[in-house]
């Protein structure tokens, strides 16, 4: 069963990756380091970071708002 993380931890972890990714050789390395630091799986954090990039318009994809609309229908 997947773990549930609260929204504050999610936001903090994503922010840490976004703020410090330039200190690492790649985004993957940044995600792995932050995930280990906050005690979560790196794949979970990678997905959150990617979704944050989509929501900010930096990546193509379906935004969180659009996903909520899809779930409602």
Foldseek 3Di string as FASTA:
>chain_A
DDDDDDPVLLVVLLVQLVVCVVVDPHSLVSLVVSCVVSPHDSVVNVVSNVQVCCCVVNDDDQHPVNVVVVVVD
